[in-house]
Amino acid sequence: MLEPPDDSGDYRLRIISAIALAVRDVLDSTPRTARLGFLIFAVIVATALATKIL
């Protein structure tokens, strides 16, 4: 039986960096008043995803 390659940390890093880039892009393109609400939402979503992924 073939063993899967042990690169479990690789996809986690890719997902986290993709989330970080998406958050940065949205924060750069939104007005200042919407940034705080979106940032709080993004932190909640990222925390939920990180606990499931990690």
PDB file of N, CA and C in Angstrom:
ATOM      1  N   MET A   1       0.853  -1.190   0.000  1.00  0.00           N
ATOM      2  CA  MET A   1       0.000   0.000   0.000  1.00  0.00           C
ATOM      3  C   MET A   1       0.895   1.249   0.000  1.00  0.00           C
ATOM      4  N   LEU A   2       0.544   2.202  -0.811  1.00  0.00           N
ATOM      5  CA  LEU A   2       1.349   3.414  -0.929  1.00  0.00           C
ATOM      6  C   LEU A   2       1.031   4.393   0.188  1.00  0.00           C
ATOM      7  N   GLU A   3       2.062   4.984   0.720  1.00  0.00           N
ATOM      8  CA  GLU A   3       1.909   6.007   1.752  1.00  0.00           C
ATOM      9  C   GLU A   3       1.816   7.378   1.094  1.00  0.00           C
ATOM     10  N   PRO A   4       0.894   8.235   1.548  1.00  0.00           N
ATOM     11  CA  PRO A   4       0.865   9.596   1.002  1.00  0.00           C
ATOM     12  C   PRO A   4       2.099  10.368   1.438  1.00  0.00           C
ATOM     13  N   PRO A   5       2.553  11.295   0.644  1.00  0.00           N
ATOM     14  CA  PRO A   5       3.727  12.084   1.040  1.00  0.00           C
ATOM     15  C   PRO A   5       3.417  12.918   2.281  1.00  0.00           C
ATOM     16  N   ASP A   6       4.420  13.108   3.104  1.00  0.00           N
ATOM     17  CA  ASP A   6       4.232  13.859   4.344  1.00  0.00           C
ATOM     18  C   ASP A   6       4.501  15.344   4.104  1.00  0.00           C
ATOM     19  N   ASP A   7       3.544  15.996   3.473  1.00  0.00           N
ATOM     20  CA  ASP A   7       3.657  17.443   3.244  1.00  0.00           C
ATOM     21  C   ASP A   7       2.442  18.156   3.822  1.00  0.00           C
ATOM     22  N   SER A   8       1.997  17.682   4.971  1.00  0.00           N
ATOM     23  CA  SER A   8       0.786  18.234   5.570  1.00  0.00           C
ATOM     24  C   SER A   8       0.926  19.711   5.902  1.00  0.00           C
ATOM     25  N   GLY A   9       2.119  20.173   6.231  1.00  0.00           N
ATOM     26  CA  GLY A   9       2.309  21.581   6.541  1.00  0.00           C
ATOM     27  C   GLY A   9       2.251  22.462   5.312  1.00  0.00           C
ATOM     28  N   ASP A  10       2.510  21.900   4.134  1.00  0.00           N
ATOM     29  CA  ASP A  10       2.560  22.686   2.910  1.00  0.00           C
ATOM     30  C   ASP A  10       1.195  23.253   2.543  1.00  0.00           C
ATOM     31  N   TYR A  11       0.150  22.417   2.558  1.00  0.00           N
ATOM     32  CA  TYR A  11      -1.157  22.923   2.169  1.00  0.00           C
ATOM     33  C   TYR A  11      -1.704  23.880   3.219  1.00  0.00           C
ATOM     34  N   ARG A  12      -1.356  23.678   4.474  1.00  0.00           N
ATOM     35  CA  ARG A  12      -1.799  24.604   5.517  1.00  0.00           C
ATOM     36  C   ARG A  12      -1.211  25.991   5.279  1.00  0.00           C
ATOM     37  N   LEU A  13       0.067  26.022   4.948  1.00  0.00           N
ATOM     38  CA  LEU A  13       0.721  27.305   4.690  1.00  0.00           C
ATOM     39  C   LEU A  13       0.112  27.982   3.468  1.00  0.00           C
ATOM     40  N   ARG A  14      -0.187  27.219   2.436  1.00  0.00           N
ATOM     41  CA  ARG A  14      -0.807  27.795   1.234  1.00  0.00           C
ATOM     42  C   ARG A  14      -2.180  28.375   1.535  1.00  0.00           C
ATOM     43  N   ILE A  15      -2.980  27.655   2.318  1.00  0.00           N
ATOM     44  CA  ILE A  15      -4.326  28.136   2.645  1.00  0.00           C
ATOM     45  C   ILE A  15      -4.245  29.401   3.491  1.00  0.00           C
ATOM     46  N   ILE A  16      -3.370  29.390   4.491  1.00  0.00           N
ATOM     47  CA  ILE A  16      -3.245  30.561   5.360  1.00  0.00           C
ATOM     48  C   ILE A  16      -2.743  31.774   4.582  1.00  0.00           C
ATOM     49  N   SER A  17      -1.778  31.566   3.678  1.00  0.00           N
ATOM     50  CA  SER A  17      -1.268  32.697   2.909  1.00  0.00           C
ATOM     51  C   SER A  17      -2.317  33.202   1.916  1.00  0.00           C
ATOM     52  N   ALA A  18      -3.120  32.300   1.355  1.00  0.00           N
ATOM     53  CA  ALA A  18      -4.181  32.736   0.444  1.00  0.00           C
ATOM     54  C   ALA A  18      -5.222  33.562   1.182  1.00  0.00           C
ATOM     55  N   ILE A  19      -5.568  33.142   2.398  1.00  0.00           N
ATOM     56  CA  ILE A  19      -6.520  33.912   3.205  1.00  0.00           C
ATOM     57  C   ILE A  19      -5.942  35.281   3.540  1.00  0.00           C
ATOM     58  N   ALA A  20      -4.663  35.309   3.901  1.00  0.00           N
ATOM     59  CA  ALA A  20      -4.028  36.581   4.246  1.00  0.00           C
ATOM     60  C   ALA A  20      -3.995  37.530   3.053  1.00  0.00           C
ATOM     61  N   LEU A  21      -3.700  37.004   1.867  1.00  0.00           N
ATOM     62  CA  LEU A  21      -3.680  37.852   0.671  1.00  0.00           C
ATOM     63  C   LEU A  21      -5.073  38.376   0.339  1.00  0.00           C
ATOM     64  N   ALA A  22      -6.082  37.542   0.480  1.00  0.00           N
ATOM     65  CA  ALA A  22      -7.454  37.978   0.199  1.00  0.00           C
ATOM     66  C   ALA A  22      -7.878  39.068   1.174  1.00  0.00           C
ATOM     67  N   VAL A  23      -7.547  38.896   2.438  1.00  0.00           N
ATOM     68  CA  VAL A  23      -7.890  39.910   3.443  1.00  0.00           C
ATOM     69  C   VAL A  23      -7.181  41.219   3.140  1.00  0.00           C
ATOM     70  N   ARG A  24      -5.901  41.139   2.776  1.00  0.00           N
ATOM     71  CA  ARG A  24      -5.148  42.359   2.466  1.00  0.00           C
ATOM     72  C   ARG A  24      -5.745  43.080   1.264  1.00  0.00           C
ATOM     73  N   ASP A  25      -6.112  42.334   0.223  1.00  0.00           N
ATOM     74  CA  ASP A  25      -6.692  42.952  -0.963  1.00  0.00           C
ATOM     75  C   ASP A  25      -8.008  43.642  -0.656  1.00  0.00           C
ATOM     76  N   VAL A  26      -8.855  43.005   0.132  1.00  0.00           N
ATOM     77  CA  VAL A  26     -10.147  43.611   0.467  1.00  0.00           C
ATOM     78  C   VAL A  26      -9.941  44.846   1.336  1.00  0.00           C
ATOM     79  N   LEU A  27      -9.026  44.757   2.291  1.00  0.00           N
ATOM     80  CA  LEU A  27      -8.793  45.911   3.155  1.00  0.00           C
ATOM     81  C   LEU A  27      -8.208  47.088   2.380  1.00  0.00           C
ATOM     82  N   ASP A  28      -7.433  46.819   1.351  1.00  0.00           N
ATOM     83  CA  ASP A  28      -6.870  47.900   0.550  1.00  0.00           C
ATOM     84  C   ASP A  28      -7.924  48.584  -0.315  1.00  0.00           C
ATOM     85  N   SER A  29      -9.006  47.863  -0.648  1.00  0.00           N
ATOM     86  CA  SER A  29      -9.977  48.419  -1.587  1.00  0.00           C
ATOM     87  C   SER A  29     -11.264  48.898  -0.923  1.00  0.00           C
ATOM     88  N   THR A  30     -11.390  48.790   0.394  1.00  0.00           N
ATOM     89  CA  THR A  30     -12.620  49.209   1.060  1.00  0.00           C
ATOM     90  C   THR A  30     -12.416  50.530   1.792  1.00  0.00           C
ATOM     91  N   PRO A  31     -13.484  51.277   1.995  1.00  0.00           N
ATOM     92  CA  PRO A  31     -13.366  52.508   2.773  1.00  0.00           C
ATOM     93  C   PRO A  31     -13.006  52.215   4.230  1.00  0.00           C
ATOM     94  N   ARG A  32     -12.485  53.210   4.898  1.00  0.00           N
ATOM     95  CA  ARG A  32     -11.958  53.026   6.255  1.00  0.00           C
ATOM     96  C   ARG A  32     -13.029  52.552   7.234  1.00  0.00           C
ATOM     97  N   THR A  33     -14.269  52.998   7.090  1.00  0.00           N
ATOM     98  CA  THR A  33     -15.314  52.627   8.044  1.00  0.00           C
ATOM     99  C   THR A  33     -15.673  51.150   7.947  1.00  0.00           C
ATOM    100  N   ALA A  34     -15.543  50.574   6.754  1.00  0.00           N
ATOM    101  CA  ALA A  34     -15.884  49.167   6.581  1.00  0.00           C
ATOM    102  C   ALA A  34     -14.743  48.240   6.971  1.00  0.00           C
ATOM    103  N   ARG A  35     -13.547  48.784   7.105  1.00  0.00           N
ATOM    104  CA  ARG A  35     -12.384  47.932   7.377  1.00  0.00           C
ATOM    105  C   ARG A  35     -12.464  47.238   8.728  1.00  0.00           C
ATOM    106  N   LEU A  36     -12.884  47.946   9.752  1.00  0.00           N
ATOM    107  CA  LEU A  36     -12.902  47.364  11.090  1.00  0.00           C
ATOM    108  C   LEU A  36     -13.880  46.197  11.177  1.00  0.00           C
ATOM    109  N   GLY A  37     -15.069  46.386  10.632  1.00  0.00           N
ATOM    110  CA  GLY A  37     -16.057  45.300  10.639  1.00  0.00           C
ATOM    111  C   GLY A  37     -15.580  44.102   9.852  1.00  0.00           C
ATOM    112  N   PHE A  38     -15.000  44.349   8.703  1.00  0.00           N
ATOM    113  CA  PHE A  38     -14.508  43.234   7.898  1.00  0.00           C
ATOM    114  C   PHE A  38     -13.335  42.554   8.582  1.00  0.00           C
ATOM    115  N   LEU A  39     -12.479  43.327   9.219  1.00  0.00           N
ATOM    116  CA  LEU A  39     -11.323  42.749   9.898  1.00  0.00           C
ATOM    117  C   LEU A  39     -11.756  41.830  11.031  1.00  0.00           C
ATOM    118  N   ILE A  40     -12.752  42.242  11.800  1.00  0.00           N
ATOM    119  CA  ILE A  40     -13.268  41.392  12.874  1.00  0.00           C
ATOM    120  C   ILE A  40     -13.853  40.110  12.289  1.00  0.00           C
ATOM    121  N   PHE A  41     -14.629  40.245  11.209  1.00  0.00           N
ATOM    122  CA  PHE A  41     -15.204  39.077  10.551  1.00  0.00           C
ATOM    123  C   PHE A  41     -14.123  38.150  10.022  1.00  0.00           C
ATOM    124  N   ALA A  42     -13.091  38.710   9.414  1.00  0.00           N
ATOM    125  CA  ALA A  42     -12.011  37.907   8.851  1.00  0.00           C
ATOM    126  C   ALA A  42     -11.250  37.164   9.939  1.00  0.00           C
ATOM    127  N   VAL A  43     -11.054  37.793  11.079  1.00  0.00           N
ATOM    128  CA  VAL A  43     -10.361  37.127  12.186  1.00  0.00           C
ATOM    129  C   VAL A  43     -11.192  35.956  12.697  1.00  0.00           C
ATOM    130  N   ILE A  44     -12.493  36.139  12.799  1.00  0.00           N
ATOM    131  CA  ILE A  44     -13.366  35.051  13.260  1.00  0.00           C
ATOM    132  C   ILE A  44     -13.334  33.890  12.276  1.00  0.00           C
ATOM    133  N   VAL A  45     -13.449  34.184  10.977  1.00  0.00           N
ATOM    134  CA  VAL A  45     -13.439  33.138   9.963  1.00  0.00           C
ATOM    135  C   VAL A  45     -12.081  32.441   9.919  1.00  0.00           C
ATOM    136  N   ALA A  46     -11.007  33.214   9.958  1.00  0.00           N
ATOM    137  CA  ALA A  46      -9.670  32.624   9.906  1.00  0.00           C
ATOM    138  C   ALA A  46      -9.415  31.737  11.125  1.00  0.00           C
ATOM    139  N   THR A  47      -9.899  32.157  12.281  1.00  0.00           N
ATOM    140  CA  THR A  47      -9.735  31.338  13.483  1.00  0.00           C
ATOM    141  C   THR A  47     -10.517  30.039  13.364  1.00  0.00           C
ATOM    142  N   ALA A  48     -11.734  30.124  12.846  1.00  0.00           N
ATOM    143  CA  ALA A  48     -12.541  28.917  12.674  1.00  0.00           C
ATOM    144  C   ALA A  48     -11.889  27.968  11.674  1.00  0.00           C
ATOM    145  N   LEU A  49     -11.391  28.507  10.581  1.00  0.00           N
ATOM    146  CA  LEU A  49     -10.730  27.662   9.584  1.00  0.00           C
ATOM    147  C   LEU A  49      -9.430  27.070  10.131  1.00  0.00           C
ATOM    148  N   ALA A  50      -8.675  27.865  10.861  1.00  0.00           N
ATOM    149  CA  ALA A  50      -7.396  27.390  11.382  1.00  0.00           C
ATOM    150  C   ALA A  50      -7.599  26.262  12.390  1.00  0.00           C
ATOM    151  N   THR A  51      -8.637  26.347  13.192  1.00  0.00           N
ATOM    152  CA  THR A  51      -8.859  25.283  14.162  1.00  0.00           C
ATOM    153  C   THR A  51      -9.293  23.995  13.482  1.00  0.00           C
ATOM    154  N   LYS A  52     -10.006  24.099  12.368  1.00  0.00           N
ATOM    155  CA  LYS A  52     -10.389  22.893  11.631  1.00  0.00           C
ATOM    156  C   LYS A  52      -9.220  22.337  10.819  1.00  0.00           C
ATOM    157  N   ILE A  53      -8.426  23.223  10.222  1.00  0.00           N
ATOM    158  CA  ILE A  53      -7.329  22.777   9.359  1.00  0.00           C
ATOM    159  C   ILE A  53      -6.155  22.294  10.191  1.00  0.00           C
ATOM    160  N   LEU A  54      -5.788  23.068  11.195  1.00  0.00           N
ATOM    161  CA  LEU A  54      -4.633  22.733  12.022  1.00  0.00           C
ATOM    162  C   LEU A  54      -5.077  21.806  13.118  1.00  0.00           C
TER     163      LEU A  54
END
